[in-house]
Amino acid sequence: MPSWPYIKDIELADPEFNRSSQVDILFGADVYAQIMMSGILRGENLSQPIAQQTRFGWILCGKLKSYQCNIILNNTEDLQKFWEIEDIEESPSVVSSEDQYCLYLYKKTTLRQANGRKQGFGDWVLPHHCVTREHSETTKLRVVFNGSAKTSTGLSLNDVMYPVYNL
């Protein structure tokens, strides 16, 4: 195991990270923000990894020496299905008339300013409120948007929006 002095007194989530072994669990990016804590330790130079504190212990991120990696696949069909589901389509082969109208409307009502920001025309309000969690270590206050709240017209933003591609 490498000897980096700044990590000798912390408990790593995987103390044997330098040994090839079976993957116990694989988290998606959506879980990352929920498990991260505030601790960060940096090495003496950029060639050393950063240690980040998580709810499961500390993890190492950065440029590390490659170690032998063994992969065992029990069911390649499931893995193939996963990647097919998660694949992002570059552009649809057939664009529906509804999609063409959405693009037309967007181009007609949106202007890119000199600073790169986009400006839409018209008054749109997205109802929102805050949720506080005083005991949370990561997010004490978050904003919750409500696209299904009805306006004075009896319609919500969700009611008048066009559907988009699932990402």
N, C-alpha and C. Protein backbone atom coordinates (compact mmCIF):
# COMPACT_ATOMS: atom_id res chain seq x y z
N MET A 1 0.85 -1.19 0.00
CA MET A 1 0.00 0.00 0.00
C MET A 1 0.89 1.25 0.00
N PRO A 2 0.52 2.24 -0.80
CA PRO A 2 1.32 3.47 -0.81
C PRO A 2 1.36 4.11 0.57
N SER A 3 2.42 4.82 0.84
CA SER A 3 2.53 5.48 2.15
C SER A 3 2.44 6.99 1.96
N TRP A 4 1.23 7.48 2.08
CA TRP A 4 0.99 8.92 2.03
C TRP A 4 0.70 9.36 3.46
N PRO A 5 1.56 10.17 4.06
CA PRO A 5 1.41 10.55 5.47
C PRO A 5 0.07 11.17 5.82
N TYR A 6 -0.52 11.92 4.91
CA TYR A 6 -1.76 12.63 5.23
C TYR A 6 -2.96 11.70 5.35
N ILE A 7 -2.85 10.43 4.96
CA ILE A 7 -3.98 9.51 5.10
C ILE A 7 -3.74 8.42 6.14
N LYS A 8 -2.62 8.46 6.84
CA LYS A 8 -2.30 7.35 7.75
C LYS A 8 -3.24 7.25 8.95
N ASP A 9 -3.88 8.34 9.36
CA ASP A 9 -4.74 8.30 10.55
C ASP A 9 -6.23 8.34 10.22
N ILE A 10 -6.60 8.09 8.97
CA ILE A 10 -8.02 8.10 8.61
C ILE A 10 -8.46 6.68 8.26
N GLU A 11 -9.76 6.43 8.40
CA GLU A 11 -10.31 5.12 8.08
C GLU A 11 -10.87 5.14 6.65
N LEU A 12 -10.20 4.43 5.76
CA LEU A 12 -10.64 4.39 4.37
C LEU A 12 -11.88 3.52 4.23
N ALA A 13 -12.77 3.90 3.32
CA ALA A 13 -13.96 3.08 3.05
C ALA A 13 -13.54 1.70 2.56
N ASP A 14 -12.44 1.64 1.82
CA ASP A 14 -11.88 0.37 1.35
C ASP A 14 -10.40 0.36 1.71
N PRO A 15 -10.05 -0.16 2.89
CA PRO A 15 -8.66 -0.12 3.34
C PRO A 15 -7.71 -0.92 2.44
N GLU A 16 -8.27 -1.82 1.63
CA GLU A 16 -7.43 -2.61 0.73
C GLU A 16 -7.70 -2.23 -0.72
N PHE A 17 -7.81 -0.90 -0.95
CA PHE A 17 -8.13 -0.42 -2.29
C PHE A 17 -7.08 -0.81 -3.32
N ASN A 18 -5.88 -1.09 -2.87
CA ASN A 18 -4.78 -1.41 -3.78
C ASN A 18 -4.73 -2.90 -4.14
N ARG A 19 -5.65 -3.68 -3.61
CA ARG A 19 -5.72 -5.11 -3.93
C ARG A 19 -6.94 -5.38 -4.79
N SER A 20 -6.74 -6.13 -5.85
CA SER A 20 -7.84 -6.46 -6.73
C SER A 20 -8.82 -7.38 -6.01
N SER A 21 -10.09 -7.02 -6.04
CA SER A 21 -11.12 -7.85 -5.40
C SER A 21 -12.46 -7.57 -6.03
N GLN A 22 -13.46 -8.31 -5.62
CA GLN A 22 -14.82 -8.19 -6.12
C GLN A 22 -15.42 -6.84 -5.72
N VAL A 23 -16.20 -6.25 -6.62
CA VAL A 23 -16.92 -5.02 -6.31
C VAL A 23 -18.13 -5.39 -5.47
N ASP A 24 -18.26 -4.76 -4.29
CA ASP A 24 -19.38 -5.06 -3.40
C ASP A 24 -20.65 -4.35 -3.82
N ILE A 25 -20.52 -3.08 -4.19
CA ILE A 25 -21.69 -2.30 -4.57
C ILE A 25 -21.22 -1.18 -5.49
N LEU A 26 -22.08 -0.80 -6.42
CA LEU A 26 -21.78 0.26 -7.36
C LEU A 26 -22.84 1.33 -7.22
N PHE A 27 -22.43 2.55 -6.84
CA PHE A 27 -23.37 3.65 -6.66
C PHE A 27 -23.44 4.50 -7.91
N GLY A 28 -24.63 5.04 -8.18
CA GLY A 28 -24.80 5.98 -9.28
C GLY A 28 -24.39 7.37 -8.83
N ALA A 29 -24.25 8.27 -9.78
CA ALA A 29 -23.86 9.65 -9.47
C ALA A 29 -24.89 10.34 -8.58
N ASP A 30 -26.15 9.90 -8.64
CA ASP A 30 -27.18 10.52 -7.81
C ASP A 30 -26.96 10.26 -6.33
N VAL A 31 -26.27 9.18 -5.99
CA VAL A 31 -26.00 8.83 -4.60
C VAL A 31 -24.78 9.59 -4.07
N TYR A 32 -23.88 9.95 -4.95
CA TYR A 32 -22.62 10.60 -4.56
C TYR A 32 -22.86 11.81 -3.65
N ALA A 33 -23.75 12.71 -4.05
CA ALA A 33 -24.01 13.91 -3.25
C ALA A 33 -24.59 13.58 -1.88
N GLN A 34 -25.29 12.47 -1.78
CA GLN A 34 -25.91 12.10 -0.51
C GLN A 34 -24.92 11.49 0.48
N ILE A 35 -23.85 10.89 -0.02
CA ILE A 35 -22.91 10.23 0.89
C ILE A 35 -21.70 11.09 1.23
N MET A 36 -21.48 12.18 0.47
CA MET A 36 -20.31 13.02 0.71
C MET A 36 -20.46 13.84 1.99
N MET A 37 -19.34 13.98 2.69
CA MET A 37 -19.30 14.81 3.89
C MET A 37 -18.29 15.94 3.66
N SER A 38 -18.00 16.73 4.65
CA SER A 38 -17.21 17.95 4.43
C SER A 38 -15.70 17.75 4.44
N GLY A 39 -15.21 16.62 4.93
CA GLY A 39 -13.76 16.44 5.06
C GLY A 39 -13.03 16.24 3.74
N ILE A 40 -11.97 16.99 3.53
CA ILE A 40 -11.09 16.83 2.36
C ILE A 40 -9.65 16.98 2.84
N LEU A 41 -8.81 16.02 2.45
CA LEU A 41 -7.39 16.07 2.77
C LEU A 41 -6.60 16.03 1.46
N ARG A 42 -5.62 16.91 1.34
CA ARG A 42 -4.80 16.97 0.12
C ARG A 42 -3.36 16.58 0.44
N GLY A 43 -2.73 15.97 -0.55
CA GLY A 43 -1.34 15.57 -0.42
C GLY A 43 -0.40 16.75 -0.59
N GLU A 44 0.89 16.44 -0.65
CA GLU A 44 1.90 17.48 -0.78
C GLU A 44 1.99 18.03 -2.20
N ASN A 45 1.55 17.25 -3.19
CA ASN A 45 1.61 17.71 -4.58
C ASN A 45 0.45 17.12 -5.37
N LEU A 46 0.32 17.54 -6.61
CA LEU A 46 -0.82 17.15 -7.44
C LEU A 46 -0.78 15.68 -7.87
N SER A 47 0.36 15.03 -7.72
CA SER A 47 0.44 13.62 -8.11
C SER A 47 -0.17 12.69 -7.05
N GLN A 48 -0.45 13.24 -5.89
CA GLN A 48 -1.04 12.43 -4.82
C GLN A 48 -2.56 12.61 -4.81
N PRO A 49 -3.29 11.56 -4.46
CA PRO A 49 -4.76 11.66 -4.50
C PRO A 49 -5.30 12.54 -3.38
N ILE A 50 -6.51 12.98 -3.58
CA ILE A 50 -7.26 13.73 -2.56
C ILE A 50 -8.09 12.71 -1.79
N ALA A 51 -8.12 12.84 -0.47
CA ALA A 51 -8.98 11.99 0.36
C ALA A 51 -10.24 12.78 0.66
N GLN A 52 -11.41 12.16 0.38
CA GLN A 52 -12.69 12.81 0.64
C GLN A 52 -13.48 11.97 1.63
N GLN A 53 -14.06 12.62 2.62
CA GLN A 53 -14.82 11.93 3.65
C GLN A 53 -16.22 11.61 3.15
N THR A 54 -16.65 10.35 3.36
CA THR A 54 -18.01 9.94 3.02
C THR A 54 -18.64 9.29 4.25
N ARG A 55 -19.90 8.98 4.14
CA ARG A 55 -20.60 8.31 5.24
C ARG A 55 -20.08 6.90 5.47
N PHE A 56 -19.33 6.35 4.50
CA PHE A 56 -18.81 4.99 4.62
C PHE A 56 -17.33 4.96 4.97
N GLY A 57 -16.73 6.10 5.16
CA GLY A 57 -15.30 6.20 5.38
C GLY A 57 -14.72 7.12 4.32
N TRP A 58 -13.40 7.19 4.28
CA TRP A 58 -12.73 8.09 3.34
C TRP A 58 -12.49 7.37 2.02
N ILE A 59 -12.60 8.13 0.91
CA ILE A 59 -12.28 7.59 -0.41
C ILE A 59 -11.13 8.41 -0.99
N LEU A 60 -10.41 7.80 -1.91
CA LEU A 60 -9.29 8.48 -2.57
C LEU A 60 -9.69 8.79 -4.01
N CYS A 61 -9.40 10.02 -4.43
CA CYS A 61 -9.71 10.46 -5.79
C CYS A 61 -8.48 11.12 -6.38
N GLY A 62 -8.26 10.87 -7.63
CA GLY A 62 -7.14 11.51 -8.30
C GLY A 62 -6.33 10.51 -9.10
N LYS A 63 -5.15 10.93 -9.50
CA LYS A 63 -4.29 10.09 -10.32
C LYS A 63 -3.57 9.10 -9.41
N LEU A 64 -3.89 7.84 -9.61
CA LEU A 64 -3.26 6.78 -8.83
C LEU A 64 -2.56 5.82 -9.76
N LYS A 65 -1.58 5.13 -9.24
CA LYS A 65 -0.92 4.09 -10.00
C LYS A 65 -1.94 2.98 -10.26
N SER A 66 -1.94 2.47 -11.47
CA SER A 66 -2.89 1.40 -11.81
C SER A 66 -2.49 0.11 -11.15
N TYR A 67 -3.47 -0.56 -10.63
CA TYR A 67 -3.27 -1.88 -10.05
C TYR A 67 -4.00 -2.89 -10.91
N GLN A 68 -3.65 -4.15 -10.76
CA GLN A 68 -4.30 -5.19 -11.55
C GLN A 68 -5.79 -5.17 -11.26
N CYS A 69 -6.56 -5.29 -12.31
CA CYS A 69 -8.02 -5.24 -12.16
C CYS A 69 -8.61 -6.50 -12.78
N ASN A 70 -9.36 -7.25 -12.01
CA ASN A 70 -10.04 -8.44 -12.50
C ASN A 70 -11.53 -8.18 -12.57
N ILE A 71 -12.14 -8.58 -13.65
CA ILE A 71 -13.57 -8.39 -13.81
C ILE A 71 -14.23 -9.74 -14.02
N ILE A 72 -15.28 -9.99 -13.28
CA ILE A 72 -16.05 -11.23 -13.43
C ILE A 72 -17.46 -10.83 -13.85
N LEU A 73 -17.87 -11.29 -15.01
CA LEU A 73 -19.22 -11.01 -15.48
C LEU A 73 -20.03 -12.29 -15.44
N ASN A 74 -21.10 -12.28 -14.70
CA ASN A 74 -21.97 -13.44 -14.61
C ASN A 74 -23.08 -13.41 -15.65
N ASN A 75 -23.56 -12.22 -15.96
CA ASN A 75 -24.68 -12.12 -16.88
C ASN A 75 -24.45 -10.91 -17.78
N THR A 76 -23.82 -11.11 -18.92
CA THR A 76 -23.50 -10.00 -19.81
C THR A 76 -24.74 -9.38 -20.44
N GLU A 77 -25.83 -10.14 -20.56
CA GLU A 77 -27.05 -9.59 -21.14
C GLU A 77 -27.60 -8.46 -20.27
N ASP A 78 -27.56 -8.64 -18.93
CA ASP A 78 -28.05 -7.59 -18.04
C ASP A 78 -27.22 -6.33 -18.19
N LEU A 79 -25.90 -6.50 -18.28
CA LEU A 79 -25.01 -5.35 -18.44
C LEU A 79 -25.29 -4.65 -19.77
N GLN A 80 -25.48 -5.42 -20.81
CA GLN A 80 -25.78 -4.84 -22.13
C GLN A 80 -27.10 -4.07 -22.08
N LYS A 81 -28.14 -4.63 -21.44
CA LYS A 81 -29.43 -3.95 -21.32
C LYS A 81 -29.27 -2.64 -20.55
N PHE A 82 -28.45 -2.67 -19.48
CA PHE A 82 -28.22 -1.46 -18.68
C PHE A 82 -27.65 -0.35 -19.56
N TRP A 83 -26.61 -0.67 -20.35
CA TRP A 83 -25.99 0.37 -21.17
C TRP A 83 -26.91 0.83 -22.28
N GLU A 84 -27.77 -0.03 -22.80
CA GLU A 84 -28.72 0.37 -23.82
C GLU A 84 -29.74 1.35 -23.23
N ILE A 85 -30.20 1.06 -22.00
CA ILE A 85 -31.17 1.94 -21.34
C ILE A 85 -30.53 3.29 -21.02
N GLU A 86 -29.26 3.28 -20.58
CA GLU A 86 -28.59 4.50 -20.16
C GLU A 86 -27.99 5.29 -21.31
N ASP A 87 -27.99 4.73 -22.51
CA ASP A 87 -27.39 5.39 -23.66
C ASP A 87 -28.18 6.65 -24.01
N ILE A 88 -27.46 7.73 -24.28
CA ILE A 88 -28.09 9.00 -24.66
C ILE A 88 -28.04 9.10 -26.18
N GLU A 89 -29.20 9.24 -26.77
CA GLU A 89 -29.29 9.33 -28.21
C GLU A 89 -28.78 10.70 -28.66
N GLU A 90 -27.85 10.71 -29.62
CA GLU A 90 -27.28 11.96 -30.11
C GLU A 90 -28.37 12.86 -30.69
N SER A 91 -29.10 12.35 -31.66
CA SER A 91 -30.23 13.09 -32.21
C SER A 91 -31.20 12.08 -32.78
N PRO A 92 -32.47 12.31 -32.61
CA PRO A 92 -33.44 11.33 -33.09
C PRO A 92 -33.39 11.24 -34.62
N SER A 93 -33.63 10.05 -35.14
CA SER A 93 -33.59 9.87 -36.59
C SER A 93 -34.80 10.52 -37.25
N VAL A 94 -35.94 10.53 -36.57
CA VAL A 94 -37.15 11.16 -37.10
C VAL A 94 -37.61 12.20 -36.08
N VAL A 95 -37.78 13.43 -36.54
CA VAL A 95 -38.23 14.50 -35.65
C VAL A 95 -39.71 14.73 -35.91
N SER A 96 -40.51 14.59 -34.85
CA SER A 96 -41.96 14.75 -34.99
C SER A 96 -42.31 16.21 -35.24
N SER A 97 -43.51 16.44 -35.72
CA SER A 97 -43.96 17.82 -35.97
C SER A 97 -44.04 18.59 -34.65
N GLU A 98 -44.40 17.90 -33.56
CA GLU A 98 -44.45 18.54 -32.25
C GLU A 98 -43.05 18.98 -31.81
N ASP A 99 -42.04 18.13 -32.03
CA ASP A 99 -40.66 18.49 -31.70
C ASP A 99 -40.18 19.66 -32.57
N GLN A 100 -40.55 19.64 -33.85
CA GLN A 100 -40.17 20.74 -34.74
C GLN A 100 -40.78 22.05 -34.26
N TYR A 101 -42.05 22.00 -33.81
CA TYR A 101 -42.70 23.20 -33.30
C TYR A 101 -42.00 23.70 -32.02
N CYS A 102 -41.60 22.77 -31.14
CA CYS A 102 -40.88 23.15 -29.92
C CYS A 102 -39.59 23.88 -30.27
N LEU A 103 -38.84 23.35 -31.22
CA LEU A 103 -37.58 23.99 -31.63
C LEU A 103 -37.85 25.37 -32.23
N TYR A 104 -38.87 25.47 -33.07
CA TYR A 104 -39.25 26.75 -33.66
C TYR A 104 -39.60 27.76 -32.56
N LEU A 105 -40.46 27.35 -31.62
CA LEU A 105 -40.89 28.23 -30.54
C LEU A 105 -39.71 28.68 -29.68
N TYR A 106 -38.82 27.75 -29.38
CA TYR A 106 -37.64 28.08 -28.58
C TYR A 106 -36.78 29.13 -29.30
N LYS A 107 -36.51 28.90 -30.57
CA LYS A 107 -35.67 29.83 -31.33
C LYS A 107 -36.34 31.20 -31.46
N LYS A 108 -37.66 31.21 -31.59
CA LYS A 108 -38.40 32.46 -31.75
C LYS A 108 -38.47 33.28 -30.46
N THR A 109 -38.48 32.60 -29.31
CA THR A 109 -38.70 33.30 -28.03
C THR A 109 -37.47 33.36 -27.14
N THR A 110 -36.31 32.94 -27.66
CA THR A 110 -35.10 32.92 -26.85
C THR A 110 -33.97 33.64 -27.59
N LEU A 111 -33.22 34.45 -26.87
CA LEU A 111 -32.12 35.20 -27.45
C LEU A 111 -30.86 34.94 -26.63
N ARG A 112 -29.75 34.66 -27.31
CA ARG A 112 -28.46 34.51 -26.61
C ARG A 112 -27.84 35.89 -26.50
N GLN A 113 -27.57 36.32 -25.27
CA GLN A 113 -26.99 37.64 -25.02
C GLN A 113 -25.48 37.60 -25.28
N ALA A 114 -24.85 38.76 -25.31
CA ALA A 114 -23.41 38.87 -25.58
C ALA A 114 -22.58 38.13 -24.53
N ASN A 115 -23.09 38.05 -23.30
CA ASN A 115 -22.34 37.37 -22.24
C ASN A 115 -22.54 35.85 -22.26
N GLY A 116 -23.30 35.34 -23.25
CA GLY A 116 -23.49 33.90 -23.38
C GLY A 116 -24.76 33.40 -22.73
N ARG A 117 -25.37 34.20 -21.88
CA ARG A 117 -26.62 33.78 -21.23
C ARG A 117 -27.78 33.86 -22.21
N LYS A 118 -28.81 33.08 -21.92
CA LYS A 118 -29.99 33.11 -22.78
C LYS A 118 -31.09 33.88 -22.10
N GLN A 119 -31.83 34.65 -22.89
CA GLN A 119 -32.94 35.44 -22.36
C GLN A 119 -34.21 35.01 -23.08
N GLY A 120 -35.21 34.63 -22.29
CA GLY A 120 -36.51 34.27 -22.86
C GLY A 120 -37.43 35.46 -22.82
N PHE A 121 -38.41 35.45 -23.69
CA PHE A 121 -39.37 36.54 -23.73
C PHE A 121 -40.68 36.05 -23.11
N GLY A 122 -41.27 36.89 -22.29
CA GLY A 122 -42.51 36.52 -21.63
C GLY A 122 -42.29 36.37 -20.14
N ASP A 123 -43.37 36.44 -19.40
CA ASP A 123 -43.30 36.31 -17.95
C ASP A 123 -43.67 34.89 -17.55
N TRP A 124 -42.73 34.18 -16.97
CA TRP A 124 -42.96 32.82 -16.51
C TRP A 124 -42.54 32.73 -15.06
N VAL A 125 -43.36 32.13 -14.26
CA VAL A 125 -43.05 31.94 -12.85
C VAL A 125 -43.17 30.46 -12.53
N LEU A 126 -42.16 29.91 -11.91
CA LEU A 126 -42.20 28.52 -11.48
C LEU A 126 -42.39 28.52 -9.97
N PRO A 127 -43.56 28.12 -9.48
CA PRO A 127 -43.79 28.12 -8.03
C PRO A 127 -42.73 27.27 -7.31
N HIS A 128 -42.30 27.78 -6.18
CA HIS A 128 -41.28 27.06 -5.43
C HIS A 128 -41.38 27.42 -3.94
N HIS A 129 -40.75 26.59 -3.12
CA HIS A 129 -40.68 26.86 -1.69
C HIS A 129 -39.41 26.19 -1.17
N CYS A 130 -39.02 26.57 0.04
CA CYS A 130 -37.81 25.99 0.60
C CYS A 130 -38.16 24.89 1.60
N VAL A 131 -37.25 23.94 1.71
CA VAL A 131 -37.36 22.88 2.70
C VAL A 131 -36.10 22.95 3.54
N THR A 132 -36.26 23.02 4.86
CA THR A 132 -35.09 23.08 5.73
C THR A 132 -34.95 21.78 6.50
N ARG A 133 -33.72 21.36 6.64
CA ARG A 133 -33.38 20.18 7.45
C ARG A 133 -32.20 20.60 8.33
N GLU A 134 -32.53 21.07 9.51
CA GLU A 134 -31.51 21.64 10.40
C GLU A 134 -30.41 20.66 10.77
N HIS A 135 -30.71 19.38 10.82
CA HIS A 135 -29.73 18.40 11.26
C HIS A 135 -28.93 17.78 10.11
N SER A 136 -29.20 18.22 8.90
CA SER A 136 -28.48 17.69 7.74
C SER A 136 -27.05 18.20 7.73
N GLU A 137 -26.10 17.33 7.41
CA GLU A 137 -24.70 17.73 7.35
C GLU A 137 -24.35 18.35 6.01
N THR A 138 -25.11 18.03 4.97
CA THR A 138 -24.74 18.49 3.64
C THR A 138 -25.65 19.59 3.10
N THR A 139 -26.96 19.45 3.26
CA THR A 139 -27.89 20.42 2.67
C THR A 139 -28.94 20.82 3.70
N LYS A 140 -28.71 21.94 4.36
CA LYS A 140 -29.63 22.39 5.39
C LYS A 140 -30.87 23.06 4.78
N LEU A 141 -30.71 23.63 3.59
CA LEU A 141 -31.80 24.31 2.92
C LEU A 141 -31.76 23.92 1.44
N ARG A 142 -32.90 23.53 0.90
CA ARG A 142 -32.99 23.26 -0.53
C ARG A 142 -34.27 23.84 -1.07
N VAL A 143 -34.26 24.18 -2.35
CA VAL A 143 -35.42 24.75 -3.00
C VAL A 143 -36.15 23.63 -3.73
N VAL A 144 -37.47 23.58 -3.56
CA VAL A 144 -38.30 22.59 -4.23
C VAL A 144 -39.21 23.34 -5.20
N PHE A 145 -39.14 22.96 -6.47
CA PHE A 145 -39.96 23.58 -7.50
C PHE A 145 -41.20 22.74 -7.74
N ASN A 146 -42.34 23.41 -8.02
CA ASN A 146 -43.60 22.71 -8.19
C ASN A 146 -44.21 23.08 -9.54
N GLY A 147 -43.84 22.31 -10.56
CA GLY A 147 -44.35 22.57 -11.90
C GLY A 147 -45.80 22.16 -12.08
N SER A 148 -46.38 21.47 -11.10
CA SER A 148 -47.78 21.04 -11.24
C SER A 148 -48.75 21.96 -10.49
N ALA A 149 -48.25 23.05 -9.89
CA ALA A 149 -49.13 24.01 -9.21
C ALA A 149 -49.96 24.77 -10.24
N LYS A 150 -51.27 24.83 -10.05
CA LYS A 150 -52.18 25.49 -10.98
C LYS A 150 -52.06 27.01 -10.85
N THR A 151 -52.13 27.69 -11.99
CA THR A 151 -52.11 29.16 -11.99
C THR A 151 -53.54 29.68 -12.02
N SER A 152 -53.69 30.99 -12.18
CA SER A 152 -55.03 31.59 -12.24
C SER A 152 -55.80 31.13 -13.48
N THR A 153 -55.10 30.60 -14.47
CA THR A 153 -55.77 30.09 -15.68
C THR A 153 -56.32 28.68 -15.46
N GLY A 154 -55.95 28.06 -14.35
CA GLY A 154 -56.36 26.69 -14.09
C GLY A 154 -55.38 25.67 -14.65
N LEU A 155 -54.31 26.15 -15.31
CA LEU A 155 -53.30 25.27 -15.88
C LEU A 155 -51.99 25.41 -15.12
N SER A 156 -51.21 24.35 -15.11
CA SER A 156 -49.89 24.39 -14.49
C SER A 156 -48.83 24.46 -15.59
N LEU A 157 -47.60 24.71 -15.22
CA LEU A 157 -46.49 24.70 -16.18
C LEU A 157 -46.39 23.32 -16.83
N ASN A 158 -46.55 22.27 -16.04
CA ASN A 158 -46.50 20.91 -16.59
C ASN A 158 -47.59 20.67 -17.62
N ASP A 159 -48.77 21.30 -17.41
CA ASP A 159 -49.88 21.12 -18.35
C ASP A 159 -49.56 21.68 -19.73
N VAL A 160 -48.80 22.76 -19.80
CA VAL A 160 -48.57 23.44 -21.08
C VAL A 160 -47.21 23.13 -21.69
N MET A 161 -46.39 22.36 -21.02
CA MET A 161 -45.07 22.03 -21.56
C MET A 161 -45.17 20.88 -22.54
N TYR A 162 -44.26 20.88 -23.50
CA TYR A 162 -44.15 19.77 -24.43
C TYR A 162 -43.24 18.71 -23.83
N PRO A 163 -43.47 17.46 -24.11
CA PRO A 163 -42.59 16.41 -23.57
C PRO A 163 -41.21 16.49 -24.23
N VAL A 164 -40.20 16.06 -23.50
CA VAL A 164 -38.83 16.01 -24.03
C VAL A 164 -38.34 14.57 -24.00
N TYR A 165 -37.19 14.36 -24.59
CA TYR A 165 -36.62 13.02 -24.61
C TYR A 165 -36.19 12.63 -23.21
N ASN A 166 -36.36 11.36 -22.87
CA ASN A 166 -35.88 10.86 -21.58
C ASN A 166 -34.37 10.72 -21.68
N LEU A 167 -33.69 11.27 -20.70
CA LEU A 167 -32.23 11.17 -20.68
C LEU A 167 -31.80 10.00 -19.84
